[in-house]
Structure formats: structure tokens, C-alpha cells
Amino acid sequence: MINTQISHYRLHKKIGEGTYGSVYRGVHIHDDELVVAIKIVHAHLSSDKAFLDGLRKECRILSKLLHPNIVGFRDLVISEDHPPAMILE
């Protein structure tokens, strides 16, 4: 997935793996100083309606939280071109 574009970001390096996805370092396509973490959902979960409903709920909750010990939520990207992705600070 390296060099894949998700929203306005290009995936540069895989930085982790979790239960339901992989996390990549993403860099804005027009400004390489804008760096984010992008969690890409595992492909086999992309068609699981219950999982996607839970993901949307998690993103709504994260979008309301502001705390120095919680990673900030920026966007949920759902596209037919790639599995769902969460863009995080």
C-alpha cells in the first residue's frame, strides 16, 4: 500500500499493525510537512456492515474528544478504491 493515495495523503511507511487494520505514516500530497497517521481497515472487514457501523460510531466519539493523551481524529475515508481509513493526527 506504500505510495497509495488516501484522501489528500500519500502512504509513506507502515508504522504498525492492529487487530483490525494497519497504520501508515501519511504525508499530504501538497505539503510534505503535514504528516498524519492513517489506519487502513483490513480488507476482509470492509464488507462487514456491523464492523463498519461500529467504526463510524468510534469515529464520531473520537471526533468529540480532545485530550493530550488521546490521538486526535481528523477524518474517516470510505471509498470504493480502497478499504476504509481513519486519518489521525
PDB file of N, CA and C in Angstrom:
ATOM      1  N   MET A   1       0.800  -1.197   0.000  1.00  0.00           N
ATOM      2  CA  MET A   1       0.000   0.000   0.000  1.00  0.00           C
ATOM      3  C   MET A   1       0.850   1.272   0.000  1.00  0.00           C
ATOM      4  N   ILE A   2       2.153   1.135   0.167  1.00  0.00           N
ATOM      5  CA  ILE A   2       3.036   2.292   0.142  1.00  0.00           C
ATOM      6  C   ILE A   2       2.814   3.047  -1.170  1.00  0.00           C
ATOM      7  N   ASN A   3       2.788   4.369  -1.098  1.00  0.00           N
ATOM      8  CA  ASN A   3       2.557   5.287  -2.216  1.00  0.00           C
ATOM      9  C   ASN A   3       1.098   5.369  -2.666  1.00  0.00           C
ATOM     10  N   THR A   4       0.196   4.636  -2.015  1.00  0.00           N
ATOM     11  CA  THR A   4      -1.232   4.754  -2.304  1.00  0.00           C
ATOM     12  C   THR A   4      -1.720   6.090  -1.757  1.00  0.00           C
ATOM     13  N   GLN A   5      -2.620   6.734  -2.494  1.00  0.00           N
ATOM     14  CA  GLN A   5      -3.192   7.988  -2.012  1.00  0.00           C
ATOM     15  C   GLN A   5      -4.530   7.708  -1.337  1.00  0.00           C
ATOM     16  N   ILE A   6      -4.675   8.207  -0.116  1.00  0.00           N
ATOM     17  CA  ILE A   6      -5.912   8.132   0.652  1.00  0.00           C
ATOM     18  C   ILE A   6      -6.311   9.576   0.933  1.00  0.00           C
ATOM     19  N   SER A   7      -7.435  10.012   0.397  1.00  0.00           N
ATOM     20  CA  SER A   7      -7.874  11.396   0.535  1.00  0.00           C
ATOM     21  C   SER A   7      -6.755  12.296   0.019  1.00  0.00           C
ATOM     22  N   HIS A   8      -6.268  13.220   0.839  1.00  0.00           N
ATOM     23  CA  HIS A   8      -5.213  14.144   0.411  1.00  0.00           C
ATOM     24  C   HIS A   8      -3.828  13.702   0.881  1.00  0.00           C
ATOM     25  N   TYR A   9      -3.696  12.432   1.234  1.00  0.00           N
ATOM     26  CA  TYR A   9      -2.442  11.937   1.806  1.00  0.00           C
ATOM     27  C   TYR A   9      -1.911  10.747   1.018  1.00  0.00           C
ATOM     28  N   ARG A  10      -0.592  10.649   0.956  1.00  0.00           N
ATOM     29  CA  ARG A  10       0.070   9.501   0.330  1.00  0.00           C
ATOM     30  C   ARG A  10       0.713   8.684   1.439  1.00  0.00           C
ATOM     31  N   LEU A  11       0.515   7.355   1.380  1.00  0.00           N
ATOM     32  CA  LEU A  11       1.092   6.466   2.386  1.00  0.00           C
ATOM     33  C   LEU A  11       2.591   6.336   2.138  1.00  0.00           C
ATOM     34  N   HIS A  12       3.388   6.589   3.188  1.00  0.00           N
ATOM     35  CA  HIS A  12       4.847   6.577   3.041  1.00  0.00           C
ATOM     36  C   HIS A  12       5.519   5.393   3.716  1.00  0.00           C
ATOM     37  N   LYS A  13       5.029   4.987   4.868  1.00  0.00           N
ATOM     38  CA  LYS A  13       5.719   3.937   5.612  1.00  0.00           C
ATOM     39  C   LYS A  13       4.726   3.262   6.552  1.00  0.00           C
ATOM     40  N   LYS A  14       4.790   1.946   6.618  1.00  0.00           N
ATOM     41  CA  LYS A  14       3.958   1.221   7.579  1.00  0.00           C
ATOM     42  C   LYS A  14       4.597   1.373   8.956  1.00  0.00           C
ATOM     43  N   ILE A  15       3.789   1.787   9.939  1.00  0.00           N
ATOM     44  CA  ILE A  15       4.338   2.008  11.278  1.00  0.00           C
ATOM     45  C   ILE A  15       3.715   1.105  12.336  1.00  0.00           C
ATOM     46  N   GLY A  16       2.728   0.307  11.943  1.00  0.00           N
ATOM     47  CA  GLY A  16       2.133  -0.586  12.938  1.00  0.00           C
ATOM     48  C   GLY A  16       1.047  -1.466  12.362  1.00  0.00           C
ATOM     49  N   GLU A  17       0.648  -2.420  13.177  1.00  0.00           N
ATOM     50  CA  GLU A  17      -0.394  -3.382  12.797  1.00  0.00           C
ATOM     51  C   GLU A  17      -1.271  -3.584  14.017  1.00  0.00           C
ATOM     52  N   GLY A  18      -2.582  -3.563  13.811  1.00  0.00           N
ATOM     53  CA  GLY A  18      -3.504  -3.755  14.918  1.00  0.00           C
ATOM     54  C   GLY A  18      -4.504  -4.853  14.615  1.00  0.00           C
ATOM     55  N   THR A  19      -5.462  -4.988  15.493  1.00  0.00           N
ATOM     56  CA  THR A  19      -6.467  -6.040  15.372  1.00  0.00           C
ATOM     57  C   THR A  19      -7.277  -5.912  14.096  1.00  0.00           C
ATOM     58  N   TYR A  20      -7.650  -4.700  13.754  1.00  0.00           N
ATOM     59  CA  TYR A  20      -8.498  -4.557  12.568  1.00  0.00           C
ATOM     60  C   TYR A  20      -7.893  -3.687  11.471  1.00  0.00           C
ATOM     61  N   GLY A  21      -6.614  -3.390  11.555  1.00  0.00           N
ATOM     62  CA  GLY A  21      -6.019  -2.631  10.477  1.00  0.00           C
ATOM     63  C   GLY A  21      -4.529  -2.407  10.623  1.00  0.00           C
ATOM     64  N   SER A  22      -3.970  -1.802   9.586  1.00  0.00           N
ATOM     65  CA  SER A  22      -2.565  -1.429   9.564  1.00  0.00           C
ATOM     66  C   SER A  22      -2.469   0.091   9.642  1.00  0.00           C
ATOM     67  N   VAL A  23      -1.419   0.591  10.275  1.00  0.00           N
ATOM     68  CA  VAL A  23      -1.233   2.028  10.433  1.00  0.00           C
ATOM     69  C   VAL A  23      -0.022   2.463   9.612  1.00  0.00           C
ATOM     70  N   TYR A  24      -0.216   3.533   8.859  1.00  0.00           N
ATOM     71  CA  TYR A  24       0.826   4.061   7.986  1.00  0.00           C
ATOM     72  C   TYR A  24       1.091   5.525   8.314  1.00  0.00           C
ATOM     73  N   ARG A  25       2.285   5.956   8.010  1.00  0.00           N
ATOM     74  CA  ARG A  25       2.617   7.384   8.051  1.00  0.00           C
ATOM     75  C   ARG A  25       2.118   7.952   6.736  1.00  0.00           C
ATOM     76  N   GLY A  26       1.295   8.993   6.812  1.00  0.00           N
ATOM     77  CA  GLY A  26       0.767   9.638   5.613  1.00  0.00           C
ATOM     78  C   GLY A  26       1.266  11.061   5.516  1.00  0.00           C
ATOM     79  N   VAL A  27       1.578  11.492   4.306  1.00  0.00           N
ATOM     80  CA  VAL A  27       2.067  12.846   4.066  1.00  0.00           C
ATOM     81  C   VAL A  27       1.137  13.506   3.056  1.00  0.00           C
ATOM     82  N   HIS A  28       0.738  14.749   3.356  1.00  0.00           N
ATOM     83  CA  HIS A  28      -0.172  15.487   2.481  1.00  0.00           C
ATOM     84  C   HIS A  28       0.438  15.620   1.093  1.00  0.00           C
ATOM     85  N   ILE A  29      -0.382  15.464   0.068  1.00  0.00           N
ATOM     86  CA  ILE A  29       0.147  15.467  -1.303  1.00  0.00           C
ATOM     87  C   ILE A  29       0.644  16.841  -1.756  1.00  0.00           C
ATOM     88  N   HIS A  30       0.190  17.918  -1.075  1.00  0.00           N
ATOM     89  CA  HIS A  30       0.623  19.265  -1.476  1.00  0.00           C
ATOM     90  C   HIS A  30       1.550  19.935  -0.467  1.00  0.00           C
ATOM     91  N   ASP A  31       1.761  19.284   0.677  1.00  0.00           N
ATOM     92  CA  ASP A  31       2.625  19.888   1.702  1.00  0.00           C
ATOM     93  C   ASP A  31       3.242  18.772   2.536  1.00  0.00           C
ATOM     94  N   ASP A  32       4.495  18.463   2.279  1.00  0.00           N
ATOM     95  CA  ASP A  32       5.133  17.322   2.947  1.00  0.00           C
ATOM     96  C   ASP A  32       5.421  17.557   4.426  1.00  0.00           C
ATOM     97  N   GLU A  33       5.080  18.732   4.940  1.00  0.00           N
ATOM     98  CA  GLU A  33       5.212  18.970   6.374  1.00  0.00           C
ATOM     99  C   GLU A  33       3.934  18.612   7.134  1.00  0.00           C
ATOM    100  N   LEU A  34       2.866  18.314   6.411  1.00  0.00           N
ATOM    101  CA  LEU A  34       1.619  17.868   7.035  1.00  0.00           C
ATOM    102  C   LEU A  34       1.634  16.339   7.080  1.00  0.00           C
ATOM    103  N   VAL A  35       1.921  15.804   8.263  1.00  0.00           N
ATOM    104  CA  VAL A  35       2.086  14.361   8.447  1.00  0.00           C
ATOM    105  C   VAL A  35       0.996  13.851   9.386  1.00  0.00           C
ATOM    106  N   VAL A  36       0.409  12.715   9.031  1.00  0.00           N
ATOM    107  CA  VAL A  36      -0.655  12.104   9.824  1.00  0.00           C
ATOM    108  C   VAL A  36      -0.398  10.612   9.952  1.00  0.00           C
ATOM    109  N   ALA A  37      -1.190   9.976  10.813  1.00  0.00           N
ATOM    110  CA  ALA A  37      -1.238   8.514  10.869  1.00  0.00           C
ATOM    111  C   ALA A  37      -2.531   8.094  10.182  1.00  0.00           C
ATOM    112  N   ILE A  38      -2.454   7.062   9.358  1.00  0.00           N
ATOM    113  CA  ILE A  38      -3.631   6.581   8.641  1.00  0.00           C
ATOM    114  C   ILE A  38      -3.811   5.105   8.954  1.00  0.00           C
ATOM    115  N   LYS A  39      -4.937   4.798   9.585  1.00  0.00           N
ATOM    116  CA  LYS A  39      -5.256   3.407   9.909  1.00  0.00           C
ATOM    117  C   LYS A  39      -6.152   2.864   8.797  1.00  0.00           C
ATOM    118  N   ILE A  40      -5.635   1.862   8.070  1.00  0.00           N
ATOM    119  CA  ILE A  40      -6.365   1.230   6.973  1.00  0.00           C
ATOM    120  C   ILE A  40      -6.983  -0.064   7.497  1.00  0.00           C
ATOM    121  N   VAL A  41      -8.288  -0.190   7.357  1.00  0.00           N
ATOM    122  CA  VAL A  41      -9.006  -1.372   7.822  1.00  0.00           C
ATOM    123  C   VAL A  41      -8.619  -2.578   6.961  1.00  0.00           C
ATOM    124  N   HIS A  42      -8.439  -3.741   7.596  1.00  0.00           N
ATOM    125  CA  HIS A  42      -8.156  -4.969   6.844  1.00  0.00           C
ATOM    126  C   HIS A  42      -9.277  -5.214   5.827  1.00  0.00           C
ATOM    127  N   ALA A  43      -8.900  -5.600   4.638  1.00  0.00           N
ATOM    128  CA  ALA A  43      -9.839  -5.759   3.527  1.00  0.00           C
ATOM    129  C   ALA A  43     -11.023  -6.674   3.856  1.00  0.00           C
ATOM    130  N   HIS A  44     -10.780  -7.740   4.609  1.00  0.00           N
ATOM    131  CA  HIS A  44     -11.872  -8.679   4.885  1.00  0.00           C
ATOM    132  C   HIS A  44     -12.955  -8.072   5.780  1.00  0.00           C
ATOM    133  N   LEU A  45     -12.666  -6.952   6.443  1.00  0.00           N
ATOM    134  CA  LEU A  45     -13.662  -6.288   7.284  1.00  0.00           C
ATOM    135  C   LEU A  45     -14.438  -5.211   6.523  1.00  0.00           C
ATOM    136  N   SER A  46     -13.984  -4.867   5.344  1.00  0.00           N
ATOM    137  CA  SER A  46     -14.580  -3.780   4.575  1.00  0.00           C
ATOM    138  C   SER A  46     -16.038  -4.007   4.207  1.00  0.00           C
ATOM    139  N   SER A  47     -16.449  -5.242   4.106  1.00  0.00           N
ATOM    140  CA  SER A  47     -17.832  -5.540   3.715  1.00  0.00           C
ATOM    141  C   SER A  47     -18.687  -5.979   4.906  1.00  0.00           C
ATOM    142  N   ASP A  48     -18.131  -5.926   6.100  1.00  0.00           N
ATOM    143  CA  ASP A  48     -18.856  -6.319   7.312  1.00  0.00           C
ATOM    144  C   ASP A  48     -19.649  -5.116   7.830  1.00  0.00           C
ATOM    145  N   LYS A  49     -20.970  -5.110   7.593  1.00  0.00           N
ATOM    146  CA  LYS A  49     -21.808  -3.967   7.957  1.00  0.00           C
ATOM    147  C   LYS A  49     -21.728  -3.641   9.441  1.00  0.00           C
ATOM    148  N   ALA A  50     -21.766  -4.649  10.289  1.00  0.00           N
ATOM    149  CA  ALA A  50     -21.698  -4.412  11.738  1.00  0.00           C
ATOM    150  C   ALA A  50     -20.369  -3.758  12.113  1.00  0.00           C
ATOM    151  N   PHE A  51     -19.287  -4.217  11.510  1.00  0.00           N
ATOM    152  CA  PHE A  51     -17.979  -3.614  11.781  1.00  0.00           C
ATOM    153  C   PHE A  51     -17.958  -2.160  11.335  1.00  0.00           C
ATOM    154  N   LEU A  52     -18.445  -1.878  10.124  1.00  0.00           N
ATOM    155  CA  LEU A  52     -18.432  -0.512   9.608  1.00  0.00           C
ATOM    156  C   LEU A  52     -19.309   0.419  10.441  1.00  0.00           C
ATOM    157  N   ASP A  53     -20.447  -0.090  10.916  1.00  0.00           N
ATOM    158  CA  ASP A  53     -21.296   0.715  11.805  1.00  0.00           C
ATOM    159  C   ASP A  53     -20.537   1.061  13.089  1.00  0.00           C
ATOM    160  N   GLY A  54     -19.826   0.077  13.651  1.00  0.00           N
ATOM    161  CA  GLY A  54     -19.021   0.309  14.850  1.00  0.00           C
ATOM    162  C   GLY A  54     -17.890   1.286  14.592  1.00  0.00           C
ATOM    163  N   LEU A  55     -17.274   1.200  13.424  1.00  0.00           N
ATOM    164  CA  LEU A  55     -16.188   2.110  13.052  1.00  0.00           C
ATOM    165  C   LEU A  55     -16.705   3.548  12.968  1.00  0.00           C
ATOM    166  N   ARG A  56     -17.858   3.719  12.334  1.00  0.00           N
ATOM    167  CA  ARG A  56     -18.453   5.060  12.245  1.00  0.00           C
ATOM    168  C   ARG A  56     -18.744   5.615  13.642  1.00  0.00           C
ATOM    169  N   LYS A  57     -19.274   4.767  14.510  1.00  0.00           N
ATOM    170  CA  LYS A  57     -19.573   5.191  15.878  1.00  0.00           C
ATOM    171  C   LYS A  57     -18.283   5.602  16.602  1.00  0.00           C
ATOM    172  N   GLU A  58     -17.233   4.780  16.462  1.00  0.00           N
ATOM    173  CA  GLU A  58     -15.940   5.097  17.082  1.00  0.00           C
ATOM    174  C   GLU A  58     -15.417   6.442  16.582  1.00  0.00           C
ATOM    175  N   CYS A  59     -15.538   6.698  15.294  1.00  0.00           N
ATOM    176  CA  CYS A  59     -15.049   7.959  14.725  1.00  0.00           C
ATOM    177  C   CYS A  59     -15.859   9.145  15.244  1.00  0.00           C
ATOM    178  N   ARG A  60     -17.165   8.990  15.376  1.00  0.00           N
ATOM    179  CA  ARG A  60     -17.988  10.083  15.929  1.00  0.00           C
ATOM    180  C   ARG A  60     -17.567  10.398  17.356  1.00  0.00           C
ATOM    181  N   ILE A  61     -17.299   9.361  18.144  1.00  0.00           N
ATOM    182  CA  ILE A  61     -16.862   9.563  19.535  1.00  0.00           C
ATOM    183  C   ILE A  61     -15.486  10.224  19.565  1.00  0.00           C
ATOM    184  N   LEU A  62     -14.541   9.687  18.779  1.00  0.00           N
ATOM    185  CA  LEU A  62     -13.188  10.268  18.746  1.00  0.00           C
ATOM    186  C   LEU A  62     -13.193  11.724  18.306  1.00  0.00           C
ATOM    187  N   SER A  63     -14.104  12.078  17.404  1.00  0.00           N
ATOM    188  CA  SER A  63     -14.130  13.448  16.894  1.00  0.00           C
ATOM    189  C   SER A  63     -14.510  14.453  17.977  1.00  0.00           C
ATOM    190  N   LYS A  64     -15.123  13.979  19.053  1.00  0.00           N
ATOM    191  CA  LYS A  64     -15.553  14.869  20.143  1.00  0.00           C
ATOM    192  C   LYS A  64     -14.546  14.939  21.286  1.00  0.00           C
ATOM    193  N   LEU A  65     -13.529  14.091  21.247  1.00  0.00           N
ATOM    194  CA  LEU A  65     -12.561  14.040  22.336  1.00  0.00           C
ATOM    195  C   LEU A  65     -11.360  14.935  22.044  1.00  0.00           C
ATOM    196  N   LEU A  66     -10.957  15.663  23.050  1.00  0.00           N
ATOM    197  CA  LEU A  66      -9.767  16.496  22.936  1.00  0.00           C
ATOM    198  C   LEU A  66      -8.992  16.363  24.241  1.00  0.00           C
ATOM    199  N   HIS A  67      -7.881  15.622  24.163  1.00  0.00           N
ATOM    200  CA  HIS A  67      -7.070  15.368  25.356  1.00  0.00           C
ATOM    201  C   HIS A  67      -5.648  15.089  24.891  1.00  0.00           C
ATOM    202  N   PRO A  68      -4.647  15.566  25.629  1.00  0.00           N
ATOM    203  CA  PRO A  68      -3.253  15.363  25.191  1.00  0.00           C
ATOM    204  C   PRO A  68      -2.817  13.894  25.126  1.00  0.00           C
ATOM    205  N   ASN A  69      -3.531  13.000  25.801  1.00  0.00           N
ATOM    206  CA  ASN A  69      -3.166  11.579  25.791  1.00  0.00           C
ATOM    207  C   ASN A  69      -3.999  10.747  24.822  1.00  0.00           C
ATOM    208  N   ILE A  70      -4.813  11.400  24.005  1.00  0.00           N
ATOM    209  CA  ILE A  70      -5.640  10.697  23.022  1.00  0.00           C
ATOM    210  C   ILE A  70      -5.265  11.220  21.636  1.00  0.00           C
ATOM    211  N   VAL A  71      -4.999  10.311  20.725  1.00  0.00           N
ATOM    212  CA  VAL A  71      -4.684  10.701  19.352  1.00  0.00           C
ATOM    213  C   VAL A  71      -5.909  11.381  18.750  1.00  0.00           C
ATOM    214  N   GLY A  72      -5.694  12.535  18.130  1.00  0.00           N
ATOM    215  CA  GLY A  72      -6.800  13.292  17.551  1.00  0.00           C
ATOM    216  C   GLY A  72      -7.296  12.687  16.251  1.00  0.00           C
ATOM    217  N   PHE A  73      -8.606  12.674  16.108  1.00  0.00           N
ATOM    218  CA  PHE A  73      -9.265  12.175  14.898  1.00  0.00           C
ATOM    219  C   PHE A  73      -9.382  13.305  13.893  1.00  0.00           C
ATOM    220  N   ARG A  74      -9.095  13.013  12.618  1.00  0.00           N
ATOM    221  CA  ARG A  74      -9.225  14.027  11.568  1.00  0.00           C
ATOM    222  C   ARG A  74     -10.313  13.692  10.563  1.00  0.00           C
ATOM    223  N   ASP A  75     -10.387  12.416  10.132  1.00  0.00           N
ATOM    224  CA  ASP A  75     -11.351  12.090   9.074  1.00  0.00           C
ATOM    225  C   ASP A  75     -11.538  10.585   8.964  1.00  0.00           C
ATOM    226  N   LEU A  76     -12.702  10.211   8.465  1.00  0.00           N
ATOM    227  CA  LEU A  76     -12.989   8.826   8.087  1.00  0.00           C
ATOM    228  C   LEU A  76     -13.168   8.834   6.578  1.00  0.00           C
ATOM    229  N   VAL A  77     -12.394   8.023   5.883  1.00  0.00           N
ATOM    230  CA  VAL A  77     -12.448   7.985   4.423  1.00  0.00           C
ATOM    231  C   VAL A  77     -12.998   6.638   3.998  1.00  0.00           C
ATOM    232  N   ILE A  78     -14.150   6.685   3.336  1.00  0.00           N
ATOM    233  CA  ILE A  78     -14.755   5.461   2.806  1.00  0.00           C
ATOM    234  C   ILE A  78     -14.866   5.639   1.301  1.00  0.00           C
ATOM    235  N   SER A  79     -14.235   4.735   0.580  1.00  0.00           N
ATOM    236  CA  SER A  79     -14.140   4.839  -0.873  1.00  0.00           C
ATOM    237  C   SER A  79     -14.197   3.443  -1.473  1.00  0.00           C
ATOM    238  N   GLU A  80     -14.649   3.362  -2.692  1.00  0.00           N
ATOM    239  CA  GLU A  80     -14.653   2.064  -3.377  1.00  0.00           C
ATOM    240  C   GLU A  80     -13.271   1.693  -3.889  1.00  0.00           C
ATOM    241  N   ASP A  81     -12.332   2.655  -3.859  1.00  0.00           N
ATOM    242  CA  ASP A  81     -10.980   2.429  -4.378  1.00  0.00           C
ATOM    243  C   ASP A  81     -10.067   1.695  -3.400  1.00  0.00           C
ATOM    244  N   HIS A  82     -10.407   1.722  -2.091  1.00  0.00           N
ATOM    245  CA  HIS A  82      -9.554   1.112  -1.073  1.00  0.00           C
ATOM    246  C   HIS A  82     -10.401   0.861   0.169  1.00  0.00           C
ATOM    247  N   PRO A  83      -9.902   0.041   1.097  1.00  0.00           N
ATOM    248  CA  PRO A  83     -10.638  -0.209   2.344  1.00  0.00           C
ATOM    249  C   PRO A  83     -10.808   1.087   3.140  1.00  0.00           C
ATOM    250  N   PRO A  84     -11.789   1.130   4.059  1.00  0.00           N
ATOM    251  CA  PRO A  84     -11.979   2.310   4.894  1.00  0.00           C
ATOM    252  C   PRO A  84     -10.694   2.693   5.636  1.00  0.00           C
ATOM    253  N   ALA A  85     -10.535   3.998   5.871  1.00  0.00           N
ATOM    254  CA  ALA A  85      -9.328   4.502   6.517  1.00  0.00           C
ATOM    255  C   ALA A  85      -9.689   5.609   7.504  1.00  0.00           C
ATOM    256  N   MET A  86      -9.022   5.583   8.643  1.00  0.00           N
ATOM    257  CA  MET A  86      -9.146   6.660   9.630  1.00  0.00           C
ATOM    258  C   MET A  86      -7.884   7.503   9.539  1.00  0.00           C
ATOM    259  N   ILE A  87      -8.078   8.820   9.410  1.00  0.00           N
ATOM    260  CA  ILE A  87      -6.933   9.724   9.394  1.00  0.00           C
ATOM    261  C   ILE A  87      -6.837  10.348  10.778  1.00  0.00           C
ATOM    262  N   LEU A  88      -5.682  10.159  11.400  1.00  0.00           N
ATOM    263  CA  LEU A  88      -5.441  10.583  12.780  1.00  0.00           C
ATOM    264  C   LEU A  88      -4.221  11.502  12.838  1.00  0.00           C
ATOM    265  N   GLU A  89      -4.180  12.350  13.886  1.00  0.00           N
ATOM    266  CA  GLU A  89      -3.034  13.255  13.990  1.00  0.00           C
ATOM    267  C   GLU A  89      -1.771  12.500  14.330  1.00  0.00           C
TER     268      GLU A  89
END
